[in-house]
Protein backbone atom coordinates (compact mmCIF):
# COMPACT_ATOMS: atom_id res chain seq x y z
CA MET A 1 44.76 74.96 94.69
CA PRO A 2 42.22 73.24 95.06
CA ARG A 3 42.99 72.83 90.39
CA VAL A 4 46.05 71.72 91.95
CA ASN A 5 44.43 69.59 93.58
CA GLU A 6 41.93 67.81 90.49
CA ILE A 7 45.29 67.90 88.43
CA ILE A 8 46.34 64.88 91.19
CA LYS A 9 43.34 63.14 90.95
CA LEU A 10 42.96 63.38 87.65
CA ILE A 11 46.68 62.06 87.50
CA GLY A 12 46.68 59.45 89.88
CA ALA A 13 43.35 57.83 89.41
CA HIS A 14 43.15 54.64 90.77
CA SER A 15 46.57 54.99 90.83
CA LEU A 16 46.66 56.99 93.60
CA LEU A 17 43.95 54.07 95.61
CA ALA A 18 46.11 51.18 94.93
CA THR A 19 49.05 52.07 96.07
CA PRO A 20 50.67 49.26 98.05
CA THR A 21 50.67 50.16 101.40
CA SER A 22 54.34 49.69 102.71
CA ALA A 23 53.74 46.33 105.35
CA GLU A 24 52.46 45.04 101.65
CA LEU A 25 56.42 46.13 99.87
CA ASP A 26 57.69 44.55 102.73
CA HIS A 27 56.34 41.37 102.72
CA PRO A 28 58.18 38.55 100.50
CA GLU A 29 56.16 37.53 97.83
CA LEU A 30 54.13 40.73 97.29
CA ASN A 31 57.20 42.83 97.03
CA ALA A 32 58.54 40.49 94.06
CA LEU A 33 55.10 40.98 92.53
CA ILE A 34 55.27 45.19 93.27
CA ALA A 35 58.60 45.87 91.73
CA LYS A 36 57.33 43.50 88.84
CA TYR A 37 54.02 45.34 88.34
CA TYR A 38 54.33 49.13 89.32
CA VAL A 39 57.48 49.71 88.31
CA GLY A 40 58.06 52.98 87.09
CA ALA A 41 59.07 54.88 83.71
CA ASN A 42 63.31 55.59 82.99
CA GLY A 43 64.37 53.31 86.31
CA ILE A 44 61.71 54.46 89.25
CA SER A 45 61.58 51.39 91.69
CA SER A 46 58.78 50.62 92.73
CA ARG A 47 58.80 52.34 96.14
CA GLU A 48 60.28 55.21 94.51
CA ARG A 49 56.63 55.22 92.48
CA THR A 50 54.51 54.30 96.18
CA ALA A 51 56.61 57.09 97.70
CA ILE A 52 55.33 59.55 95.26
CA PHE A 53 51.92 57.97 94.77
CA ARG A 54 51.06 57.90 98.38
CA THR A 55 52.74 62.12 99.26
CA ALA A 56 50.08 62.31 96.57
CA TRP A 57 47.41 60.66 98.22
CA ASP A 58 48.03 63.09 101.38
CA PHE A 59 47.86 66.33 99.16
CA ALA A 60 44.56 65.60 96.99
CA GLY A 61 42.91 62.16 99.01
CA SER A 62 43.81 62.19 102.98
CA ALA A 63 41.40 63.84 105.87
CA LEU A 64 45.07 66.59 105.91
CA ALA A 65 43.89 67.58 102.60
CA GLY A 66 39.56 67.74 102.44
CA ARG A 67 40.82 70.35 105.54
CA VAL A 68 43.09 72.82 103.73
CA GLU A 69 41.27 72.51 99.97
CA LEU A 70 38.23 73.91 102.40
CA TYR A 71 40.54 76.46 103.96
CA GLU A 72 41.97 77.46 100.43
CA ARG A 73 38.60 77.97 99.11
CA PHE A 74 37.52 79.66 101.96
CA TYR A 75 39.67 81.81 104.08
CA LEU A 76 37.89 84.70 103.64
CA ALA A 77 34.80 83.53 103.42
CA SER A 78 32.52 82.14 101.45
CA SER A 79 30.82 83.61 99.34
CA HIS A 80 27.15 83.67 99.95
CA ARG A 81 28.62 85.46 103.67
CA MET A 82 29.95 87.16 102.15
CA PHE A 83 27.31 88.64 99.85
CA GLN A 84 25.34 88.98 102.85
CA VAL A 85 27.74 91.18 104.64
CA ALA A 86 27.44 93.18 101.61
CA HIS A 87 23.85 93.55 101.73
CA ALA A 88 23.47 94.22 105.16
CA ALA A 89 26.87 97.12 104.63
CA SER A 90 25.39 98.90 101.91
CA VAL A 91 23.70 102.46 102.33
CA ARG A 92 20.39 101.70 100.82
CA GLU A 93 18.04 104.51 101.90
CA SER A 94 19.32 106.93 99.18
CA ASN A 95 19.36 103.54 96.58
CA PHE A 96 15.44 103.13 97.52
CA ALA A 97 14.35 107.05 97.44
CA LEU A 98 15.91 106.96 93.72
CA VAL A 99 13.60 104.17 92.43
CA ASP A 100 10.89 106.43 94.05
CA SER A 101 11.87 108.88 92.15
CA VAL A 102 12.05 107.69 89.87
CA LEU A 103 8.36 105.22 89.57
CA ARG A 104 6.58 108.92 90.73
CA SER A 105 7.87 110.49 87.49
CA ALA A 106 7.14 107.23 85.53
CA MET A 107 3.47 107.71 86.93
CA GLY A 108 3.17 111.39 86.27
CA THR A 109 3.00 112.34 90.11
CA SER A 110 5.10 114.49 92.08
CA ALA A 111 5.95 114.02 95.65
């Protein structure tokens, strides 16, 4: 999901921010200009193109999109928090004993 979000932002670029509103589409003078300059490829009308970009904005740029991306990225908790949990849950006594043993051997002393 985060990668899809990024791709939509890269493809949509400034058009995600410059998409005409429904009020602009309903305005007679503006609608004529929008129909002329905002037409899509392969016969896509300016209204259809606007709807596509509005949907893309909802997915990639709105407040809801930000919450969805955060959920997808951190639904199992952040990696920093998972490291803390793993560190707290680890059995350190046997590891410390092993390190102490190696250090004593290296220094030539016995327990």
